[in-house]
Amino acid sequence: MTITEPTAACPKCSSTQLTVAGKGFGGATAFVGAALMGPAGLLAGFLGSGDVRIICLVCGSRLKPTALKILQPPPEPSPPKELTEAELEYEAEVERRLARDAPRLAAEAAAYQAEIDAIIAEKGFTQSDLAYYGTDALVRPVLQERWREADEKRVAENIKAEKMRVAERRQMAVASGFDPDSVPLVAPIRTGPEVQPGLLKWPPWTKRP
């Protein structure tokens, strides 16, 4: 239960369901207390009365009025912080990127899930297997093996393409009357108009980038 103002409660179970047993309630004192403290100030009417007891209807505790605790309402929520212009621009940029990448991410997720479903069907995993061992434990080793094979295939294709480029450069060197053994296996590194000292120079039969 959410309270909106100070409320008397049982100190043992924090219940607000209380009743009064006995006599000696002072109406004038309670009126002044209520004016100063709200409903919780009504307890001031019990001050000076020794035979009054408060009974908790939840745990049954018999308490003196002065033994009750006062529950305070939760603090008012602070107003939302006003964002700066830079923060607003950042949030707008994030939303634009999410909207731009959402179709691609959804397609990648669908393709990944389709690959997982294909592995489950290919290996004959049952729902009991997936529930007992977990989908990740059964499917991930197969995915890692396929990823490793794909990486090896990509590396082999890159090596083959590089060998073809070297062969083409050697043929160009022979056609231009140069020694084919002087052809570098990889293109030299350039970071500007001039070649850095100590690096391979571009062969004269090739066009500089």
C-alpha atoms as a PDB file:
ATOM      1  CA  MET A   1       0.000   0.000   0.000  1.00  0.00           C
ATOM      2  CA  THR A   2       1.371   3.406  -0.981  1.00  0.00           C
ATOM      3  CA  ILE A   3       0.875   6.148   1.555  1.00  0.00           C
ATOM      4  CA  THR A   4       0.570   9.789   0.596  1.00  0.00           C
ATOM      5  CA  GLU A   5       0.948  11.329   4.072  1.00  0.00           C
ATOM      6  CA  PRO A   6       2.552  10.433   7.443  1.00  0.00           C
ATOM      7  CA  THR A   7       0.718   7.420   8.887  1.00  0.00           C
ATOM      8  CA  ALA A   8       0.937   5.615  12.242  1.00  0.00           C
ATOM      9  CA  ALA A   9       1.951   1.958  11.982  1.00  0.00           C
ATOM     10  CA  CYS A  10       2.778  -1.034  14.154  1.00  0.00           C
ATOM     11  CA  PRO A  11       6.516  -1.108  14.979  1.00  0.00           C
ATOM     12  CA  LYS A  12       6.585  -4.918  14.736  1.00  0.00           C
ATOM     13  CA  CYS A  13       4.800  -5.679  11.452  1.00  0.00           C
ATOM     14  CA  SER A  14       4.467  -2.156   9.975  1.00  0.00           C
ATOM     15  CA  SER A  15       0.731  -2.620   9.554  1.00  0.00           C
ATOM     16  CA  THR A  16      -1.447   0.494   9.554  1.00  0.00           C
ATOM     17  CA  GLN A  17      -4.548  -1.480  10.626  1.00  0.00           C
ATOM     18  CA  LEU A  18      -4.757  -0.291  14.217  1.00  0.00           C
ATOM     19  CA  THR A  19      -7.528   0.097  16.738  1.00  0.00           C
ATOM     20  CA  VAL A  20      -7.777   1.804  20.150  1.00  0.00           C
ATOM     21  CA  ALA A  21      -8.534  -0.002  23.415  1.00  0.00           C
ATOM     22  CA  GLY A  22      -9.176   1.946  26.631  1.00  0.00           C
ATOM     23  CA  LYS A  23     -10.070   5.503  27.521  1.00  0.00           C
ATOM     24  CA  GLY A  24      -8.275   8.728  27.935  1.00  0.00           C
ATOM     25  CA  PHE A  25      -8.214  10.156  24.408  1.00  0.00           C
ATOM     26  CA  GLY A  26      -7.827  13.938  24.450  1.00  0.00           C
ATOM     27  CA  GLY A  27      -9.777  15.525  21.620  1.00  0.00           C
ATOM     28  CA  ALA A  28      -8.271  19.007  21.917  1.00  0.00           C
ATOM     29  CA  THR A  29      -4.716  17.684  21.949  1.00  0.00           C
ATOM     30  CA  ALA A  30      -5.484  15.450  19.008  1.00  0.00           C
ATOM     31  CA  PHE A  31      -6.956  18.400  17.075  1.00  0.00           C
ATOM     32  CA  VAL A  32      -3.806  20.453  17.585  1.00  0.00           C
ATOM     33  CA  GLY A  33      -1.601  17.498  16.641  1.00  0.00           C
ATOM     34  CA  ALA A  34      -3.624  16.849  13.505  1.00  0.00           C
ATOM     35  CA  ALA A  35      -3.342  20.492  12.517  1.00  0.00           C
ATOM     36  CA  LEU A  36       0.429  20.381  12.918  1.00  0.00           C
ATOM     37  CA  MET A  37       1.291  16.868  11.668  1.00  0.00           C
ATOM     38  CA  GLY A  38      -1.715  15.680   9.708  1.00  0.00           C
ATOM     39  CA  PRO A  39      -3.451  12.358  10.498  1.00  0.00           C
ATOM     40  CA  ALA A  40      -0.414  11.122  12.398  1.00  0.00           C
ATOM     41  CA  GLY A  41      -0.873  14.042  14.799  1.00  0.00           C
ATOM     42  CA  LEU A  42      -4.030  12.427  16.113  1.00  0.00           C
ATOM     43  CA  LEU A  43      -1.728  10.303  18.263  1.00  0.00           C
ATOM     44  CA  ALA A  44      -1.110  13.410  20.347  1.00  0.00           C
ATOM     45  CA  GLY A  45      -4.580  12.887  21.781  1.00  0.00           C
ATOM     46  CA  PHE A  46      -3.252   9.827  23.627  1.00  0.00           C
ATOM     47  CA  LEU A  47      -0.474  11.699  25.380  1.00  0.00           C
ATOM     48  CA  GLY A  48      -0.933  11.684  29.141  1.00  0.00           C
ATOM     49  CA  SER A  49      -3.327   8.736  29.125  1.00  0.00           C
ATOM     50  CA  GLY A  50      -1.803   5.727  30.825  1.00  0.00           C
ATOM     51  CA  ASP A  51      -4.579   3.176  30.276  1.00  0.00           C
ATOM     52  CA  VAL A  52      -4.891   3.496  26.480  1.00  0.00           C
ATOM     53  CA  ARG A  53      -3.475   0.742  24.295  1.00  0.00           C
ATOM     54  CA  ILE A  54      -3.228   0.473  20.541  1.00  0.00           C
ATOM     55  CA  ILE A  55      -3.973  -2.984  19.171  1.00  0.00           C
ATOM     56  CA  CYS A  56      -2.564  -4.093  15.824  1.00  0.00           C
ATOM     57  CA  LEU A  57      -5.231  -5.994  13.892  1.00  0.00           C
ATOM     58  CA  VAL A  58      -2.573  -7.942  11.966  1.00  0.00           C
ATOM     59  CA  CYS A  59      -0.109  -9.252  14.563  1.00  0.00           C
ATOM     60  CA  GLY A  60      -2.220  -8.581  17.670  1.00  0.00           C
ATOM     61  CA  SER A  61       0.425  -6.497  19.460  1.00  0.00           C
ATOM     62  CA  ARG A  62      -0.783  -4.232  22.285  1.00  0.00           C
ATOM     63  CA  LEU A  63       1.211  -1.045  22.236  1.00  0.00           C
ATOM     64  CA  LYS A  64       1.391   2.284  23.959  1.00  0.00           C
ATOM     65  CA  PRO A  65       0.598   5.223  21.682  1.00  0.00           C
ATOM     66  CA  THR A  66       4.145   6.487  22.053  1.00  0.00           C
ATOM     67  CA  ALA A  67       5.494   3.137  20.760  1.00  0.00           C
ATOM     68  CA  LEU A  68       3.926   3.502  17.346  1.00  0.00           C
ATOM     69  CA  LYS A  69       6.131   4.393  14.447  1.00  0.00           C
ATOM     70  CA  ILE A  70       5.300   6.933  11.784  1.00  0.00           C
ATOM     71  CA  LEU A  71       5.570   5.890   8.161  1.00  0.00           C
ATOM     72  CA  GLN A  72       6.631   8.715   5.873  1.00  0.00           C
ATOM     73  CA  PRO A  73       5.389   8.887   2.272  1.00  0.00           C
ATOM     74  CA  PRO A  74       7.973   8.354  -0.447  1.00  0.00           C
ATOM     75  CA  PRO A  75       9.654  11.503  -1.719  1.00  0.00           C
ATOM     76  CA  GLU A  76       8.279  13.190  -4.778  1.00  0.00           C
ATOM     77  CA  PRO A  77      10.012  12.052  -7.955  1.00  0.00           C
ATOM     78  CA  SER A  78      12.467  14.576  -9.286  1.00  0.00           C
ATOM     79  CA  PRO A  79      11.540  16.203 -12.586  1.00  0.00           C
ATOM     80  CA  PRO A  80      13.178  14.711 -15.668  1.00  0.00           C
ATOM     81  CA  LYS A  81      16.519  16.178 -16.579  1.00  0.00           C
ATOM     82  CA  GLU A  82      16.478  18.443 -19.588  1.00  0.00           C
ATOM     83  CA  LEU A  83      18.839  17.153 -22.249  1.00  0.00           C
ATOM     84  CA  THR A  84      21.382  19.410 -23.834  1.00  0.00           C
ATOM     85  CA  GLU A  85      21.444  20.042 -27.559  1.00  0.00           C
ATOM     86  CA  ALA A  86      24.400  17.674 -27.964  1.00  0.00           C
ATOM     87  CA  GLU A  87      22.584  14.902 -26.066  1.00  0.00           C
ATOM     88  CA  LEU A  88      19.450  15.380 -28.166  1.00  0.00           C
ATOM     89  CA  GLU A  89      21.522  15.186 -31.336  1.00  0.00           C
ATOM     90  CA  TYR A  90      23.249  12.033 -30.066  1.00  0.00           C
ATOM     91  CA  GLU A  91      19.923  10.333 -29.335  1.00  0.00           C
ATOM     92  CA  ALA A  92      18.614  11.333 -32.749  1.00  0.00           C
ATOM     93  CA  GLU A  93      21.738   9.890 -34.393  1.00  0.00           C
ATOM     94  CA  VAL A  94      21.322   6.630 -32.476  1.00  0.00           C
ATOM     95  CA  GLU A  95      17.699   6.368 -33.607  1.00  0.00           C
ATOM     96  CA  ARG A  96      18.692   7.068 -37.219  1.00  0.00           C
ATOM     97  CA  ARG A  97      21.360   4.358 -37.125  1.00  0.00           C
ATOM     98  CA  LEU A  98      18.988   1.866 -35.541  1.00  0.00           C
ATOM     99  CA  ALA A  99      16.365   2.593 -38.181  1.00  0.00           C
ATOM    100  CA  ARG A 100      18.997   2.257 -40.912  1.00  0.00           C
ATOM    101  CA  ASP A 101      20.491  -0.983 -39.583  1.00  0.00           C
ATOM    102  CA  ALA A 102      17.239  -2.614 -38.450  1.00  0.00           C
ATOM    103  CA  PRO A 103      16.520  -4.412 -41.769  1.00  0.00           C
ATOM    104  CA  ARG A 104      20.093  -5.709 -42.036  1.00  0.00           C
ATOM    105  CA  LEU A 105      20.161  -6.895 -38.425  1.00  0.00           C
ATOM    106  CA  ALA A 106      16.785  -8.588 -38.823  1.00  0.00           C
ATOM    107  CA  ALA A 107      17.982 -10.347 -41.976  1.00  0.00           C
ATOM    108  CA  GLU A 108      21.182 -11.502 -40.244  1.00  0.00           C
ATOM    109  CA  ALA A 109      19.199 -12.790 -37.267  1.00  0.00           C
ATOM    110  CA  ALA A 110      16.802 -14.650 -39.558  1.00  0.00           C
ATOM    111  CA  ALA A 111      19.693 -16.181 -41.510  1.00  0.00           C
ATOM    112  CA  TYR A 112      21.424 -17.241 -38.298  1.00  0.00           C
ATOM    113  CA  GLN A 113      18.239 -18.829 -36.981  1.00  0.00           C
ATOM    114  CA  ALA A 114      17.696 -20.593 -40.311  1.00  0.00           C
ATOM    115  CA  GLU A 115      21.229 -21.990 -40.117  1.00  0.00           C
ATOM    116  CA  ILE A 116      20.581 -23.258 -36.592  1.00  0.00           C
ATOM    117  CA  ASP A 117      17.312 -24.892 -37.690  1.00  0.00           C
ATOM    118  CA  ALA A 118      19.095 -26.536 -40.615  1.00  0.00           C
ATOM    119  CA  ILE A 119      21.783 -27.963 -38.295  1.00  0.00           C
ATOM    120  CA  ILE A 120      19.135 -29.300 -35.909  1.00  0.00           C
ATOM    121  CA  ALA A 121      17.310 -30.990 -38.805  1.00  0.00           C
ATOM    122  CA  GLU A 122      20.547 -32.305 -40.333  1.00  0.00           C
ATOM    123  CA  LYS A 123      21.872 -33.787 -37.075  1.00  0.00           C
ATOM    124  CA  GLY A 124      18.487 -35.118 -36.017  1.00  0.00           C
ATOM    125  CA  PHE A 125      18.456 -33.369 -32.653  1.00  0.00           C
ATOM    126  CA  THR A 126      15.158 -33.875 -30.845  1.00  0.00           C
ATOM    127  CA  GLN A 127      13.395 -31.454 -28.561  1.00  0.00           C
ATOM    128  CA  SER A 128      14.413 -33.654 -25.633  1.00  0.00           C
ATOM    129  CA  ASP A 129      18.073 -33.331 -26.684  1.00  0.00           C
ATOM    130  CA  LEU A 130      17.769 -29.563 -26.960  1.00  0.00           C
ATOM    131  CA  ALA A 131      16.015 -29.314 -23.593  1.00  0.00           C
ATOM    132  CA  TYR A 132      18.540 -31.555 -21.810  1.00  0.00           C
ATOM    133  CA  TYR A 133      21.847 -30.414 -23.334  1.00  0.00           C
ATOM    134  CA  GLY A 134      20.849 -26.950 -24.532  1.00  0.00           C
ATOM    135  CA  THR A 135      20.728 -25.654 -28.071  1.00  0.00           C
ATOM    136  CA  ASP A 136      24.007 -23.803 -27.714  1.00  0.00           C
ATOM    137  CA  ALA A 137      25.914 -26.879 -26.486  1.00  0.00           C
ATOM    138  CA  LEU A 138      24.717 -28.972 -29.438  1.00  0.00           C
ATOM    139  CA  VAL A 139      24.753 -26.439 -32.261  1.00  0.00           C
ATOM    140  CA  ARG A 140      27.765 -24.237 -31.483  1.00  0.00           C
ATOM    141  CA  PRO A 141      30.438 -26.925 -32.176  1.00  0.00           C
ATOM    142  CA  VAL A 142      28.904 -27.489 -35.624  1.00  0.00           C
ATOM    143  CA  LEU A 143      28.799 -23.745 -36.291  1.00  0.00           C
ATOM    144  CA  GLN A 144      32.408 -23.285 -35.172  1.00  0.00           C
ATOM    145  CA  GLU A 145      33.537 -26.083 -37.496  1.00  0.00           C
ATOM    146  CA  ARG A 146      31.694 -24.473 -40.407  1.00  0.00           C
ATOM    147  CA  TRP A 147      33.135 -21.062 -39.571  1.00  0.00           C
ATOM    148  CA  ARG A 148      36.647 -22.575 -39.456  1.00  0.00           C
ATOM    149  CA  GLU A 149      36.137 -24.205 -42.850  1.00  0.00           C
ATOM    150  CA  ALA A 150      34.825 -20.925 -44.267  1.00  0.00           C
ATOM    151  CA  ASP A 151      37.879 -19.069 -42.916  1.00  0.00           C
ATOM    152  CA  GLU A 152      40.257 -21.635 -44.416  1.00  0.00           C
ATOM    153  CA  LYS A 153      38.473 -21.391 -47.760  1.00  0.00           C
ATOM    154  CA  ARG A 154      38.655 -17.588 -47.695  1.00  0.00           C
ATOM    155  CA  VAL A 155      42.388 -17.667 -46.864  1.00  0.00           C
ATOM    156  CA  ALA A 156      43.025 -20.147 -49.683  1.00  0.00           C
ATOM    157  CA  GLU A 157      41.133 -17.933 -52.132  1.00  0.00           C
ATOM    158  CA  ASN A 158      43.134 -14.873 -51.029  1.00  0.00           C
ATOM    159  CA  ILE A 159      46.431 -16.744 -51.480  1.00  0.00           C
ATOM    160  CA  LYS A 160      45.348 -17.940 -54.926  1.00  0.00           C
ATOM    161  CA  ALA A 161      44.333 -14.408 -55.963  1.00  0.00           C
ATOM    162  CA  GLU A 162      47.668 -13.009 -54.723  1.00  0.00           C
ATOM    163  CA  LYS A 163      49.614 -15.628 -56.669  1.00  0.00           C
ATOM    164  CA  MET A 164      47.674 -14.685 -59.811  1.00  0.00           C
ATOM    165  CA  ARG A 165      48.506 -11.001 -59.259  1.00  0.00           C
ATOM    166  CA  VAL A 166      52.210 -11.839 -58.822  1.00  0.00           C
ATOM    167  CA  ALA A 167      52.148 -13.916 -62.004  1.00  0.00           C
ATOM    168  CA  GLU A 168      50.546 -11.043 -63.903  1.00  0.00           C
ATOM    169  CA  ARG A 169      53.194  -8.604 -62.639  1.00  0.00           C
ATOM    170  CA  ARG A 170      55.972 -10.995 -63.678  1.00  0.00           C
ATOM    171  CA  GLN A 171      54.437 -11.294 -67.157  1.00  0.00           C
ATOM    172  CA  MET A 172      54.275  -7.503 -67.393  1.00  0.00           C
ATOM    173  CA  ALA A 173      57.931  -7.299 -66.353  1.00  0.00           C
ATOM    174  CA  VAL A 174      58.975  -9.827 -69.022  1.00  0.00           C
ATOM    175  CA  ALA A 175      56.941  -8.028 -71.679  1.00  0.00           C
ATOM    176  CA  SER A 176      58.639  -4.740 -70.712  1.00  0.00           C
ATOM    177  CA  GLY A 177      62.156  -6.260 -70.833  1.00  0.00           C
ATOM    178  CA  PHE A 178      62.791  -6.297 -67.068  1.00  0.00           C
ATOM    179  CA  ASP A 179      64.080  -9.109 -64.911  1.00  0.00           C
ATOM    180  CA  PRO A 180      60.983 -10.935 -63.564  1.00  0.00           C
ATOM    181  CA  ASP A 181      62.876 -11.849 -60.377  1.00  0.00           C
ATOM    182  CA  SER A 182      62.862  -8.162 -59.414  1.00  0.00           C
ATOM    183  CA  VAL A 183      59.083  -8.169 -59.106  1.00  0.00           C
ATOM    184  CA  PRO A 184      58.074  -7.752 -55.420  1.00  0.00           C
ATOM    185  CA  LEU A 185      55.696 -10.355 -54.064  1.00  0.00           C
ATOM    186  CA  VAL A 186      53.499  -7.657 -52.510  1.00  0.00           C
ATOM    187  CA  ALA A 187      52.791  -4.083 -53.471  1.00  0.00           C
ATOM    188  CA  PRO A 188      54.859  -1.465 -51.605  1.00  0.00           C
ATOM    189  CA  ILE A 189      53.265   0.644 -48.910  1.00  0.00           C
ATOM    190  CA  ARG A 190      52.614   4.287 -49.755  1.00  0.00           C
ATOM    191  CA  THR A 191      51.303   6.907 -47.387  1.00  0.00           C
ATOM    192  CA  GLY A 192      51.724   9.996 -49.545  1.00  0.00           C
ATOM    193  CA  PRO A 193      53.051  11.362 -52.823  1.00  0.00           C
ATOM    194  CA  GLU A 194      56.580  10.192 -52.013  1.00  0.00           C
ATOM    195  CA  VAL A 195      57.607   6.635 -51.200  1.00  0.00           C
ATOM    196  CA  GLN A 196      58.859   6.311 -47.631  1.00  0.00           C
ATOM    197  CA  PRO A 197      62.603   5.587 -47.321  1.00  0.00           C
ATOM    198  CA  GLY A 198      63.464   1.930 -46.895  1.00  0.00           C
ATOM    199  CA  LEU A 199      60.289   0.634 -48.565  1.00  0.00           C
ATOM    200  CA  LEU A 200      60.067  -1.066 -51.927  1.00  0.00           C
ATOM    201  CA  LYS A 201      59.675   1.283 -54.864  1.00  0.00           C
ATOM    202  CA  TRP A 202      57.023   0.772 -57.460  1.00  0.00           C
ATOM    203  CA  PRO A 203      58.356  -1.136 -60.486  1.00  0.00           C
ATOM    204  CA  PRO A 204      58.629   1.029 -63.613  1.00  0.00           C
ATOM    205  CA  TRP A 205      56.249  -1.182 -65.558  1.00  0.00           C
ATOM    206  CA  THR A 206      53.331  -0.544 -63.177  1.00  0.00           C
ATOM    207  CA  LYS A 207      51.216   2.529 -62.721  1.00  0.00           C
ATOM    208  CA  ARG A 208      51.499   4.281 -59.397  1.00  0.00           C
ATOM    209  CA  PRO A 209      48.211   4.542 -57.506  1.00  0.00           C
END
